[in-house]
Amino acid sequence: MVGKVWVQDLKTDEYLRIETSFHPGDKYIPVELYVYHCPPCMYCAKADLFPLPSDLVDQWLDDGKFIQDVFPMLSKDEREILISGTHSECWNKMFGDDE
């Protein structure tokens, strides 16, 4: 079952609607989310927003842990957006597709 939830961006005081999935029998675990403002993409200049658990953001930004260790649930393309803002499609347009 997929549902939409609203998350408040404390930086801009706006609300974002994000999609999440629920499964019968799941336990509700409250998580404080931080809306991370990614840097603008070098190609298209779009700056994405990622709602992320605030404790994990702290581990990455404040404690200096490697992003792949803190966010293994994100794809390498999603982690690149967090780091540089660059989308995989934009990267391929700039440098070609290696795959």
N, C-alpha and C. Protein backbone atom coordinates (compact mmCIF):
# COMPACT_ATOMS: atom_id res chain seq x y z
N MET A 1 0.85 -1.17 0.00
CA MET A 1 0.00 0.00 0.00
C MET A 1 0.90 1.24 0.00
N VAL A 2 0.67 2.12 -0.93
CA VAL A 2 1.46 3.34 -1.05
C VAL A 2 0.62 4.51 -0.59
N GLY A 3 1.24 5.40 0.17
CA GLY A 3 0.53 6.57 0.65
C GLY A 3 1.39 7.81 0.54
N LYS A 4 0.78 8.94 0.69
CA LYS A 4 1.48 10.21 0.64
C LYS A 4 1.47 10.82 2.04
N VAL A 5 2.58 11.39 2.42
CA VAL A 5 2.66 12.07 3.70
C VAL A 5 3.24 13.46 3.47
N TRP A 6 2.92 14.36 4.36
CA TRP A 6 3.44 15.72 4.29
C TRP A 6 4.60 15.86 5.25
N VAL A 7 5.67 16.49 4.80
CA VAL A 7 6.85 16.73 5.61
C VAL A 7 7.14 18.22 5.59
N GLN A 8 7.35 18.80 6.76
CA GLN A 8 7.65 20.22 6.84
C GLN A 8 9.13 20.47 6.64
N ASP A 9 9.45 21.39 5.74
CA ASP A 9 10.82 21.82 5.53
C ASP A 9 11.08 22.96 6.51
N LEU A 10 11.87 22.70 7.52
CA LEU A 10 12.09 23.70 8.57
C LEU A 10 12.91 24.89 8.08
N LYS A 11 13.62 24.73 6.98
CA LYS A 11 14.42 25.82 6.44
C LYS A 11 13.54 26.87 5.76
N THR A 12 12.51 26.42 5.05
CA THR A 12 11.64 27.34 4.32
C THR A 12 10.24 27.41 4.91
N ASP A 13 9.94 26.54 5.87
CA ASP A 13 8.62 26.44 6.49
C ASP A 13 7.54 26.00 5.51
N GLU A 14 7.95 25.39 4.40
CA GLU A 14 7.00 24.86 3.43
C GLU A 14 6.77 23.38 3.73
N TYR A 15 5.70 22.84 3.18
CA TYR A 15 5.41 21.42 3.33
C TYR A 15 5.61 20.72 2.00
N LEU A 16 6.25 19.58 2.08
CA LEU A 16 6.50 18.76 0.89
C LEU A 16 5.68 17.49 1.00
N ARG A 17 5.18 17.03 -0.10
CA ARG A 17 4.43 15.79 -0.12
C ARG A 17 5.35 14.69 -0.64
N ILE A 18 5.56 13.66 0.16
CA ILE A 18 6.42 12.56 -0.26
C ILE A 18 5.62 11.27 -0.27
N GLU A 19 6.07 10.36 -1.10
CA GLU A 19 5.39 9.07 -1.22
C GLU A 19 6.11 8.07 -0.33
N THR A 20 5.35 7.26 0.33
CA THR A 20 5.91 6.23 1.20
C THR A 20 5.08 4.97 1.07
N SER A 21 5.63 3.86 1.46
CA SER A 21 4.87 2.61 1.37
C SER A 21 4.66 2.03 2.76
N PHE A 22 3.50 1.46 2.95
CA PHE A 22 3.14 0.80 4.20
C PHE A 22 2.73 -0.63 3.89
N HIS A 23 3.06 -1.53 4.76
CA HIS A 23 2.68 -2.93 4.56
C HIS A 23 1.90 -3.40 5.79
N PRO A 24 0.90 -4.24 5.59
CA PRO A 24 0.16 -4.75 6.75
C PRO A 24 1.13 -5.37 7.75
N GLY A 25 0.96 -5.03 9.01
CA GLY A 25 1.82 -5.56 10.05
C GLY A 25 3.04 -4.71 10.35
N ASP A 26 3.29 -3.68 9.52
CA ASP A 26 4.42 -2.79 9.81
C ASP A 26 4.18 -2.06 11.12
N LYS A 27 5.23 -1.87 11.86
CA LYS A 27 5.14 -1.10 13.09
C LYS A 27 5.46 0.36 12.76
N TYR A 28 4.76 1.25 13.42
CA TYR A 28 5.01 2.67 13.21
C TYR A 28 6.20 3.09 14.07
N ILE A 29 7.21 3.61 13.44
CA ILE A 29 8.37 4.12 14.16
C ILE A 29 8.52 5.59 13.78
N PRO A 30 8.27 6.49 14.75
CA PRO A 30 8.40 7.91 14.42
C PRO A 30 9.85 8.27 14.09
N VAL A 31 10.03 9.00 13.02
CA VAL A 31 11.36 9.41 12.58
C VAL A 31 11.32 10.91 12.32
N GLU A 32 12.28 11.62 12.87
CA GLU A 32 12.40 13.04 12.59
C GLU A 32 13.11 13.20 11.26
N LEU A 33 12.42 13.83 10.30
CA LEU A 33 13.00 14.00 8.98
C LEU A 33 13.58 15.40 8.82
N TYR A 34 14.67 15.45 8.09
CA TYR A 34 15.32 16.71 7.73
C TYR A 34 15.22 16.81 6.22
N VAL A 35 14.77 17.94 5.71
CA VAL A 35 14.70 18.13 4.26
C VAL A 35 16.03 18.72 3.82
N TYR A 36 16.84 17.88 3.18
CA TYR A 36 18.17 18.27 2.75
C TYR A 36 18.08 19.00 1.42
N HIS A 37 18.66 20.19 1.35
CA HIS A 37 18.70 20.99 0.13
C HIS A 37 19.99 20.66 -0.61
N CYS A 38 19.85 19.95 -1.72
CA CYS A 38 21.01 19.54 -2.50
C CYS A 38 21.59 20.74 -3.25
N PRO A 39 22.88 20.67 -3.58
CA PRO A 39 23.44 21.73 -4.42
C PRO A 39 22.79 21.69 -5.80
N PRO A 40 22.79 22.80 -6.53
CA PRO A 40 22.21 22.78 -7.89
C PRO A 40 23.05 21.92 -8.83
N CYS A 41 22.37 21.25 -9.74
CA CYS A 41 23.02 20.40 -10.74
C CYS A 41 23.90 21.27 -11.65
N MET A 42 25.07 20.75 -11.98
CA MET A 42 26.01 21.48 -12.85
C MET A 42 25.47 21.65 -14.27
N TYR A 43 24.56 20.77 -14.67
CA TYR A 43 24.06 20.79 -16.05
C TYR A 43 22.74 21.54 -16.17
N CYS A 44 21.75 21.14 -15.38
CA CYS A 44 20.40 21.71 -15.54
C CYS A 44 20.08 22.78 -14.49
N ALA A 45 20.92 22.92 -13.49
CA ALA A 45 20.78 23.92 -12.42
C ALA A 45 19.62 23.66 -11.47
N LYS A 46 18.95 22.51 -11.60
CA LYS A 46 17.87 22.17 -10.68
C LYS A 46 18.46 21.73 -9.35
N ALA A 47 17.89 22.23 -8.26
CA ALA A 47 18.33 21.82 -6.93
C ALA A 47 17.22 20.96 -6.31
N ASP A 48 17.54 19.72 -6.00
CA ASP A 48 16.57 18.78 -5.44
C ASP A 48 16.48 18.91 -3.93
N LEU A 49 15.38 18.40 -3.39
CA LEU A 49 15.17 18.30 -1.96
C LEU A 49 14.99 16.84 -1.60
N PHE A 50 15.66 16.39 -0.55
CA PHE A 50 15.55 15.02 -0.09
C PHE A 50 15.09 15.01 1.36
N PRO A 51 13.94 14.43 1.68
CA PRO A 51 13.61 14.23 3.10
C PRO A 51 14.37 13.02 3.62
N LEU A 52 15.22 13.24 4.62
CA LEU A 52 16.08 12.19 5.15
C LEU A 52 15.98 12.16 6.67
N PRO A 53 16.16 11.00 7.28
CA PRO A 53 16.18 10.94 8.75
C PRO A 53 17.28 11.85 9.30
N SER A 54 16.91 12.73 10.22
CA SER A 54 17.86 13.73 10.71
C SER A 54 19.07 13.10 11.41
N ASP A 55 18.88 11.97 12.07
CA ASP A 55 20.03 11.35 12.74
C ASP A 55 21.06 10.85 11.73
N LEU A 56 20.60 10.40 10.57
CA LEU A 56 21.53 9.96 9.53
C LEU A 56 22.23 11.14 8.87
N VAL A 57 21.50 12.23 8.68
CA VAL A 57 22.12 13.44 8.12
C VAL A 57 23.24 13.92 9.06
N ASP A 58 22.98 13.87 10.36
CA ASP A 58 24.01 14.26 11.34
C ASP A 58 25.24 13.36 11.24
N GLN A 59 25.02 12.06 11.08
CA GLN A 59 26.16 11.13 10.96
C GLN A 59 27.00 11.47 9.73
N TRP A 60 26.33 11.82 8.64
CA TRP A 60 27.03 12.12 7.39
C TRP A 60 27.73 13.48 7.45
N LEU A 61 26.98 14.53 7.79
CA LEU A 61 27.53 15.88 7.72
C LEU A 61 28.34 16.29 8.95
N ASP A 62 27.88 15.94 10.12
CA ASP A 62 28.55 16.38 11.35
C ASP A 62 29.63 15.42 11.82
N ASP A 63 29.36 14.12 11.70
CA ASP A 63 30.31 13.12 12.20
C ASP A 63 31.32 12.68 11.15
N GLY A 64 31.11 13.09 9.89
CA GLY A 64 32.06 12.78 8.83
C GLY A 64 32.06 11.36 8.33
N LYS A 65 30.98 10.63 8.56
CA LYS A 65 30.91 9.24 8.05
C LYS A 65 30.68 9.27 6.54
N PHE A 66 31.13 8.22 5.88
CA PHE A 66 30.98 8.11 4.43
C PHE A 66 29.51 7.96 4.06
N ILE A 67 29.11 8.66 3.00
CA ILE A 67 27.70 8.68 2.60
C ILE A 67 27.20 7.27 2.27
N GLN A 68 28.04 6.43 1.67
CA GLN A 68 27.61 5.08 1.31
C GLN A 68 27.39 4.21 2.55
N ASP A 69 28.06 4.55 3.65
CA ASP A 69 27.86 3.81 4.89
C ASP A 69 26.62 4.28 5.63
N VAL A 70 26.32 5.57 5.54
CA VAL A 70 25.17 6.14 6.25
C VAL A 70 23.88 5.89 5.49
N PHE A 71 23.93 5.96 4.16
CA PHE A 71 22.74 5.81 3.33
C PHE A 71 22.86 4.65 2.35
N PRO A 72 23.06 3.41 2.84
CA PRO A 72 23.17 2.28 1.91
C PRO A 72 21.87 2.00 1.17
N MET A 73 20.75 2.52 1.71
CA MET A 73 19.46 2.29 1.09
C MET A 73 19.24 3.16 -0.15
N LEU A 74 20.09 4.16 -0.34
CA LEU A 74 19.98 5.02 -1.52
C LEU A 74 20.86 4.46 -2.63
N SER A 75 20.45 4.69 -3.86
CA SER A 75 21.27 4.26 -4.99
C SER A 75 22.48 5.17 -5.11
N LYS A 76 23.49 4.73 -5.87
CA LYS A 76 24.67 5.58 -6.06
C LYS A 76 24.30 6.88 -6.77
N ASP A 77 23.29 6.83 -7.64
CA ASP A 77 22.84 8.04 -8.32
C ASP A 77 22.18 9.02 -7.34
N GLU A 78 21.40 8.49 -6.41
CA GLU A 78 20.77 9.35 -5.40
C GLU A 78 21.82 9.95 -4.47
N ARG A 79 22.82 9.17 -4.11
CA ARG A 79 23.89 9.70 -3.26
C ARG A 79 24.68 10.79 -3.98
N GLU A 80 24.88 10.62 -5.27
CA GLU A 80 25.59 11.65 -6.05
C GLU A 80 24.80 12.96 -6.06
N ILE A 81 23.47 12.86 -6.14
CA ILE A 81 22.64 14.07 -6.09
C ILE A 81 22.83 14.77 -4.74
N LEU A 82 22.88 14.00 -3.66
CA LEU A 82 23.10 14.60 -2.35
C LEU A 82 24.45 15.31 -2.27
N ILE A 83 25.47 14.71 -2.85
CA ILE A 83 26.83 15.25 -2.75
C ILE A 83 27.01 16.45 -3.68
N SER A 84 26.72 16.27 -4.96
CA SER A 84 27.06 17.30 -5.95
C SER A 84 25.85 17.95 -6.61
N GLY A 85 24.66 17.35 -6.43
CA GLY A 85 23.47 17.87 -7.10
C GLY A 85 23.31 17.35 -8.51
N THR A 86 24.29 16.62 -9.02
CA THR A 86 24.28 16.19 -10.42
C THR A 86 23.42 14.95 -10.61
N HIS A 87 22.45 15.05 -11.51
CA HIS A 87 21.57 13.93 -11.86
C HIS A 87 22.31 13.00 -12.81
N SER A 88 21.99 11.71 -12.76
CA SER A 88 22.68 10.75 -13.62
C SER A 88 22.46 11.07 -15.10
N GLU A 89 21.25 11.52 -15.44
CA GLU A 89 20.98 11.87 -16.85
C GLU A 89 21.84 13.07 -17.28
N CYS A 90 21.99 14.03 -16.38
CA CYS A 90 22.79 15.21 -16.69
C CYS A 90 24.27 14.85 -16.79
N TRP A 91 24.72 13.96 -15.90
CA TRP A 91 26.10 13.49 -15.95
C TRP A 91 26.38 12.84 -17.31
N ASN A 92 25.45 11.99 -17.76
CA ASN A 92 25.62 11.31 -19.04
C ASN A 92 25.63 12.30 -20.20
N LYS A 93 24.85 13.36 -20.12
CA LYS A 93 24.84 14.38 -21.17
C LYS A 93 26.17 15.14 -21.20
N MET A 94 26.77 15.35 -20.02
CA MET A 94 28.03 16.09 -19.95
C MET A 94 29.23 15.22 -20.33
N PHE A 95 29.25 13.96 -19.85
CA PHE A 95 30.45 13.13 -19.96
C PHE A 95 30.26 11.83 -20.71
N GLY A 96 29.04 11.52 -21.14
CA GLY A 96 28.78 10.27 -21.82
C GLY A 96 28.42 9.16 -20.83
N ASP A 97 27.80 8.13 -21.34
CA ASP A 97 27.37 7.01 -20.53
C ASP A 97 28.41 5.91 -20.63
N ASP A 98 29.02 5.56 -19.48
CA ASP A 98 30.06 4.53 -19.45
C ASP A 98 29.50 3.12 -19.57
N GLU A 99 28.23 2.95 -19.30
CA GLU A 99 27.68 1.59 -19.25
C GLU A 99 27.21 1.11 -20.58
